[in-house]
Amino acid sequence: MTNINVDQVLAQMRQLTAAAQGVDNNPSNINAANNSAVGKTGFSDLLKTSIDKVNATQMEAGKLSESFSAGNPSVELSDVMISLQKASVSFQAMTEVRNRLVDAYRDIMNMQL
């Protein structure tokens, strides 16, 4: 196995973060970018929020479907079908994001430094 220099990987990640935030890539500005990112929402929070939204969409579709099946006259079939399709599309999108994250993780783990 190759030895991975963690400091080099972290430095590269900081440079990429700084570049994505539009901050100059020199080392003195990297700390400024990291300090400004502290107040922002993290990636894990963003991912959790997205998963919660997909879950809410699926729960809403399930409730509409159950309500229609129970014979509730205020629920239209078209509303049920649209909500089920929204839930399906959002779940497929979330699955695709997960697959791409796993692929990116595998690519990073297989990198040789």
N, C-alpha and C. Protein backbone atom coordinates (compact mmCIF):
# COMPACT_ATOMS: atom_id res chain seq x y z
N MET A 1 0.84 -1.18 0.00
CA MET A 1 0.00 0.00 0.00
C MET A 1 0.88 1.24 0.00
N THR A 2 0.39 2.27 -0.59
CA THR A 2 1.13 3.51 -0.61
C THR A 2 0.78 4.32 0.63
N ASN A 3 1.75 5.04 1.10
CA ASN A 3 1.52 5.93 2.22
C ASN A 3 0.89 7.22 1.71
N ILE A 4 -0.22 7.59 2.31
CA ILE A 4 -0.91 8.80 1.92
C ILE A 4 -0.51 9.90 2.89
N ASN A 5 -0.02 10.97 2.34
CA ASN A 5 0.33 12.12 3.16
C ASN A 5 -0.95 12.91 3.42
N VAL A 6 -1.46 12.80 4.60
CA VAL A 6 -2.73 13.42 4.96
C VAL A 6 -2.65 14.94 4.85
N ASP A 7 -1.51 15.50 5.20
CA ASP A 7 -1.37 16.95 5.12
C ASP A 7 -1.51 17.45 3.69
N GLN A 8 -0.96 16.70 2.74
CA GLN A 8 -1.07 17.10 1.34
C GLN A 8 -2.51 17.01 0.86
N VAL A 9 -3.20 15.95 1.25
CA VAL A 9 -4.59 15.79 0.85
C VAL A 9 -5.44 16.90 1.45
N LEU A 10 -5.23 17.22 2.72
CA LEU A 10 -5.98 18.31 3.36
C LEU A 10 -5.69 19.65 2.70
N ALA A 11 -4.43 19.88 2.35
CA ALA A 11 -4.08 21.13 1.68
C ALA A 11 -4.77 21.24 0.33
N GLN A 12 -4.82 20.14 -0.41
CA GLN A 12 -5.50 20.15 -1.70
C GLN A 12 -7.00 20.38 -1.52
N MET A 13 -7.58 19.77 -0.50
CA MET A 13 -9.01 19.96 -0.24
C MET A 13 -9.30 21.42 0.14
N ARG A 14 -8.42 22.02 0.92
CA ARG A 14 -8.59 23.42 1.31
C ARG A 14 -8.48 24.32 0.08
N GLN A 15 -7.54 24.01 -0.81
CA GLN A 15 -7.41 24.81 -2.02
C GLN A 15 -8.64 24.70 -2.90
N LEU A 16 -9.19 23.49 -3.02
CA LEU A 16 -10.40 23.31 -3.81
C LEU A 16 -11.58 24.03 -3.18
N THR A 17 -11.67 23.99 -1.86
CA THR A 17 -12.74 24.69 -1.16
C THR A 17 -12.62 26.19 -1.38
N ALA A 18 -11.41 26.69 -1.27
CA ALA A 18 -11.19 28.12 -1.48
C ALA A 18 -11.52 28.52 -2.91
N ALA A 19 -11.14 27.67 -3.86
CA ALA A 19 -11.44 27.98 -5.26
C ALA A 19 -12.95 27.97 -5.51
N ALA A 20 -13.66 27.03 -4.89
CA ALA A 20 -15.11 26.95 -5.06
C ALA A 20 -15.81 28.15 -4.44
N GLN A 21 -15.23 28.70 -3.39
CA GLN A 21 -15.82 29.86 -2.73
C GLN A 21 -15.36 31.16 -3.35
N GLY A 22 -14.49 31.09 -4.32
CA GLY A 22 -14.02 32.29 -5.00
C GLY A 22 -12.95 33.04 -4.23
N VAL A 23 -12.27 32.36 -3.33
CA VAL A 23 -11.21 32.98 -2.54
C VAL A 23 -9.89 32.65 -3.20
N ASP A 24 -8.93 33.56 -3.08
CA ASP A 24 -7.60 33.35 -3.63
C ASP A 24 -7.00 32.08 -3.05
N ASN A 25 -6.20 31.35 -3.82
CA ASN A 25 -5.66 30.07 -3.39
C ASN A 25 -4.38 30.15 -2.58
N ASN A 26 -3.91 31.33 -2.23
CA ASN A 26 -2.68 31.34 -1.45
C ASN A 26 -3.00 30.97 -0.01
N PRO A 27 -2.03 30.37 0.72
CA PRO A 27 -2.29 29.82 2.04
C PRO A 27 -2.85 30.83 3.05
N SER A 28 -2.54 32.10 2.94
CA SER A 28 -3.06 33.06 3.91
C SER A 28 -4.57 33.25 3.75
N ASN A 29 -5.09 33.06 2.54
CA ASN A 29 -6.52 33.22 2.32
C ASN A 29 -7.30 31.94 2.58
N ILE A 30 -6.62 30.81 2.64
CA ILE A 30 -7.32 29.55 2.90
C ILE A 30 -7.92 29.57 4.30
N ASN A 31 -7.20 30.07 5.29
CA ASN A 31 -7.76 30.16 6.63
C ASN A 31 -8.95 31.10 6.66
N ALA A 32 -8.92 32.18 5.89
CA ALA A 32 -10.06 33.09 5.82
C ALA A 32 -11.27 32.38 5.23
N ALA A 33 -11.04 31.54 4.22
CA ALA A 33 -12.14 30.79 3.63
C ALA A 33 -12.72 29.80 4.62
N ASN A 34 -11.85 29.14 5.38
CA ASN A 34 -12.33 28.18 6.38
C ASN A 34 -13.11 28.89 7.47
N ASN A 35 -12.66 30.06 7.90
CA ASN A 35 -13.37 30.79 8.94
C ASN A 35 -14.71 31.30 8.44
N SER A 36 -14.81 31.71 7.18
CA SER A 36 -16.08 32.19 6.66
C SER A 36 -17.06 31.05 6.44
N ALA A 37 -16.55 29.84 6.23
CA ALA A 37 -17.41 28.68 6.00
C ALA A 37 -18.01 28.15 7.29
N VAL A 38 -17.48 28.57 8.43
CA VAL A 38 -17.98 28.07 9.71
C VAL A 38 -19.44 28.45 9.91
N GLY A 39 -19.83 29.65 9.52
CA GLY A 39 -21.20 30.10 9.71
C GLY A 39 -22.17 29.53 8.69
N LYS A 40 -21.69 28.90 7.64
CA LYS A 40 -22.54 28.38 6.59
C LYS A 40 -22.98 26.95 6.91
N THR A 41 -24.00 26.50 6.21
CA THR A 41 -24.49 25.14 6.39
C THR A 41 -23.47 24.17 5.81
N GLY A 42 -23.19 23.11 6.54
CA GLY A 42 -22.24 22.11 6.09
C GLY A 42 -22.87 21.14 5.11
N PHE A 43 -22.03 20.36 4.47
CA PHE A 43 -22.49 19.39 3.47
C PHE A 43 -23.40 18.35 4.11
N SER A 44 -23.04 17.89 5.30
CA SER A 44 -23.87 16.87 5.95
C SER A 44 -25.25 17.42 6.29
N ASP A 45 -25.32 18.69 6.69
CA ASP A 45 -26.62 19.30 6.97
C ASP A 45 -27.45 19.41 5.69
N LEU A 46 -26.80 19.78 4.61
CA LEU A 46 -27.48 19.89 3.32
C LEU A 46 -28.00 18.53 2.87
N LEU A 47 -27.19 17.50 3.04
CA LEU A 47 -27.60 16.16 2.66
C LEU A 47 -28.76 15.67 3.51
N LYS A 48 -28.69 15.92 4.82
CA LYS A 48 -29.77 15.51 5.72
C LYS A 48 -31.06 16.23 5.38
N THR A 49 -30.99 17.52 5.09
CA THR A 49 -32.17 18.29 4.71
C THR A 49 -32.79 17.74 3.43
N SER A 50 -31.95 17.39 2.48
CA SER A 50 -32.45 16.84 1.22
C SER A 50 -33.14 15.50 1.44
N ILE A 51 -32.55 14.66 2.27
CA ILE A 51 -33.15 13.36 2.56
C ILE A 51 -34.48 13.54 3.28
N ASP A 52 -34.54 14.50 4.21
CA ASP A 52 -35.79 14.78 4.92
C ASP A 52 -36.88 15.26 3.96
N LYS A 53 -36.49 16.07 2.97
CA LYS A 53 -37.48 16.55 1.99
C LYS A 53 -38.01 15.39 1.14
N VAL A 54 -37.13 14.48 0.74
CA VAL A 54 -37.56 13.31 -0.03
C VAL A 54 -38.51 12.47 0.82
N ASN A 55 -38.17 12.29 2.09
CA ASN A 55 -39.03 11.53 2.99
C ASN A 55 -40.39 12.20 3.15
N ALA A 56 -40.41 13.51 3.29
CA ALA A 56 -41.67 14.24 3.43
C ALA A 56 -42.53 14.09 2.17
N THR A 57 -41.89 14.14 1.01
CA THR A 57 -42.61 13.97 -0.25
C THR A 57 -43.23 12.58 -0.33
N GLN A 58 -42.49 11.57 0.10
CA GLN A 58 -43.00 10.21 0.07
C GLN A 58 -44.13 10.01 1.09
N MET A 59 -43.99 10.62 2.26
CA MET A 59 -45.04 10.51 3.28
C MET A 59 -46.33 11.18 2.79
N GLU A 60 -46.20 12.35 2.17
CA GLU A 60 -47.36 13.06 1.64
C GLU A 60 -48.06 12.24 0.56
N ALA A 61 -47.27 11.64 -0.32
CA ALA A 61 -47.84 10.81 -1.38
C ALA A 61 -48.56 9.60 -0.78
N GLY A 62 -47.98 9.02 0.25
CA GLY A 62 -48.61 7.88 0.90
C GLY A 62 -49.93 8.26 1.56
N LYS A 63 -49.95 9.42 2.21
CA LYS A 63 -51.19 9.87 2.86
C LYS A 63 -52.28 10.15 1.83
N LEU A 64 -51.90 10.80 0.72
CA LEU A 64 -52.89 11.06 -0.34
C LEU A 64 -53.42 9.76 -0.93
N SER A 65 -52.54 8.80 -1.12
CA SER A 65 -52.95 7.51 -1.68
C SER A 65 -53.90 6.79 -0.73
N GLU A 66 -53.59 6.79 0.55
CA GLU A 66 -54.46 6.15 1.54
C GLU A 66 -55.81 6.85 1.61
N SER A 67 -55.77 8.17 1.55
CA SER A 67 -57.00 8.95 1.61
C SER A 67 -57.88 8.67 0.40
N PHE A 68 -57.27 8.58 -0.77
CA PHE A 68 -58.04 8.27 -1.98
C PHE A 68 -58.60 6.85 -1.91
N SER A 69 -57.80 5.91 -1.41
CA SER A 69 -58.25 4.52 -1.28
C SER A 69 -59.41 4.39 -0.30
N ALA A 70 -59.41 5.26 0.72
CA ALA A 70 -60.48 5.23 1.72
C ALA A 70 -61.76 5.86 1.19
N GLY A 71 -61.70 6.49 0.02
CA GLY A 71 -62.89 7.06 -0.58
C GLY A 71 -63.13 8.51 -0.22
N ASN A 72 -62.12 9.22 0.19
CA ASN A 72 -62.26 10.65 0.51
C ASN A 72 -62.60 11.40 -0.77
N PRO A 73 -63.76 12.08 -0.80
CA PRO A 73 -64.18 12.76 -2.03
C PRO A 73 -63.36 14.02 -2.36
N SER A 74 -62.62 14.54 -1.40
CA SER A 74 -61.85 15.76 -1.66
C SER A 74 -60.49 15.47 -2.31
N VAL A 75 -60.13 14.20 -2.44
CA VAL A 75 -58.85 13.82 -3.03
C VAL A 75 -59.08 13.31 -4.45
N GLU A 76 -58.48 13.97 -5.40
CA GLU A 76 -58.61 13.58 -6.81
C GLU A 76 -57.53 12.57 -7.18
N LEU A 77 -57.85 11.71 -8.12
CA LEU A 77 -56.90 10.71 -8.60
C LEU A 77 -55.68 11.38 -9.22
N SER A 78 -55.90 12.47 -9.93
CA SER A 78 -54.78 13.17 -10.58
C SER A 78 -53.80 13.71 -9.53
N ASP A 79 -54.31 14.21 -8.40
CA ASP A 79 -53.44 14.69 -7.33
C ASP A 79 -52.61 13.55 -6.75
N VAL A 80 -53.24 12.40 -6.59
CA VAL A 80 -52.54 11.22 -6.06
C VAL A 80 -51.44 10.79 -7.01
N MET A 81 -51.75 10.72 -8.30
CA MET A 81 -50.77 10.28 -9.29
C MET A 81 -49.60 11.26 -9.39
N ILE A 82 -49.90 12.55 -9.36
CA ILE A 82 -48.83 13.56 -9.43
C ILE A 82 -47.93 13.47 -8.20
N SER A 83 -48.52 13.32 -7.01
CA SER A 83 -47.70 13.25 -5.80
C SER A 83 -46.86 11.97 -5.78
N LEU A 84 -47.42 10.87 -6.28
CA LEU A 84 -46.65 9.63 -6.35
C LEU A 84 -45.48 9.75 -7.33
N GLN A 85 -45.70 10.43 -8.45
CA GLN A 85 -44.62 10.64 -9.41
C GLN A 85 -43.54 11.56 -8.85
N LYS A 86 -43.96 12.61 -8.14
CA LYS A 86 -42.98 13.49 -7.49
C LYS A 86 -42.13 12.72 -6.50
N ALA A 87 -42.77 11.86 -5.71
CA ALA A 87 -42.04 11.06 -4.73
C ALA A 87 -41.07 10.11 -5.43
N SER A 88 -41.52 9.52 -6.52
CA SER A 88 -40.67 8.58 -7.26
C SER A 88 -39.46 9.29 -7.86
N VAL A 89 -39.68 10.45 -8.48
CA VAL A 89 -38.59 11.19 -9.11
C VAL A 89 -37.60 11.69 -8.06
N SER A 90 -38.11 12.18 -6.93
CA SER A 90 -37.20 12.68 -5.90
C SER A 90 -36.38 11.54 -5.30
N PHE A 91 -36.99 10.36 -5.15
CA PHE A 91 -36.24 9.22 -4.62
C PHE A 91 -35.18 8.76 -5.61
N GLN A 92 -35.52 8.74 -6.89
CA GLN A 92 -34.54 8.35 -7.91
C GLN A 92 -33.37 9.34 -7.95
N ALA A 93 -33.68 10.62 -7.81
CA ALA A 93 -32.62 11.64 -7.80
C ALA A 93 -31.72 11.45 -6.59
N MET A 94 -32.31 11.20 -5.43
CA MET A 94 -31.53 10.98 -4.22
C MET A 94 -30.64 9.74 -4.36
N THR A 95 -31.18 8.70 -4.95
CA THR A 95 -30.41 7.48 -5.17
C THR A 95 -29.24 7.74 -6.10
N GLU A 96 -29.45 8.53 -7.14
CA GLU A 96 -28.38 8.86 -8.08
C GLU A 96 -27.29 9.68 -7.40
N VAL A 97 -27.69 10.62 -6.56
CA VAL A 97 -26.71 11.42 -5.80
C VAL A 97 -25.90 10.51 -4.90
N ARG A 98 -26.57 9.59 -4.22
CA ARG A 98 -25.86 8.65 -3.35
C ARG A 98 -24.87 7.81 -4.15
N ASN A 99 -25.29 7.32 -5.31
CA ASN A 99 -24.40 6.51 -6.14
C ASN A 99 -23.18 7.30 -6.59
N ARG A 100 -23.39 8.56 -6.94
CA ARG A 100 -22.26 9.39 -7.38
C ARG A 100 -21.32 9.70 -6.21
N LEU A 101 -21.87 9.91 -5.03
CA LEU A 101 -21.03 10.14 -3.85
C LEU A 101 -20.18 8.92 -3.53
N VAL A 102 -20.79 7.74 -3.63
CA VAL A 102 -20.05 6.50 -3.37
C VAL A 102 -18.95 6.33 -4.42
N ASP A 103 -19.26 6.60 -5.68
CA ASP A 103 -18.25 6.50 -6.74
C ASP A 103 -17.10 7.48 -6.51
N ALA A 104 -17.44 8.71 -6.11
CA ALA A 104 -16.41 9.71 -5.85
C ALA A 104 -15.54 9.28 -4.67
N TYR A 105 -16.16 8.74 -3.64
CA TYR A 105 -15.40 8.25 -2.48
C TYR A 105 -14.45 7.14 -2.91
N ARG A 106 -14.95 6.21 -3.71
CA ARG A 106 -14.10 5.10 -4.18
C ARG A 106 -12.93 5.63 -5.02
N ASP A 107 -13.21 6.62 -5.88
CA ASP A 107 -12.15 7.20 -6.71
C ASP A 107 -11.09 7.85 -5.84
N ILE A 108 -11.52 8.57 -4.82
CA ILE A 108 -10.56 9.23 -3.94
C ILE A 108 -9.75 8.20 -3.16
N MET A 109 -10.39 7.14 -2.69
CA MET A 109 -9.68 6.13 -1.93
C MET A 109 -8.69 5.35 -2.80
N ASN A 110 -8.96 5.26 -4.10
CA ASN A 110 -8.06 4.53 -4.99
C ASN A 110 -6.97 5.40 -5.60
N MET A 111 -6.97 6.69 -5.27
CA MET A 111 -5.94 7.58 -5.81
C MET A 111 -4.58 7.21 -5.26
N GLN A 112 -3.59 7.31 -6.12
CA GLN A 112 -2.23 7.09 -5.68
C GLN A 112 -1.55 8.44 -5.61
N LEU A 113 -0.96 8.72 -4.48
CA LEU A 113 -0.27 10.00 -4.31
C LEU A 113 1.22 9.83 -4.43
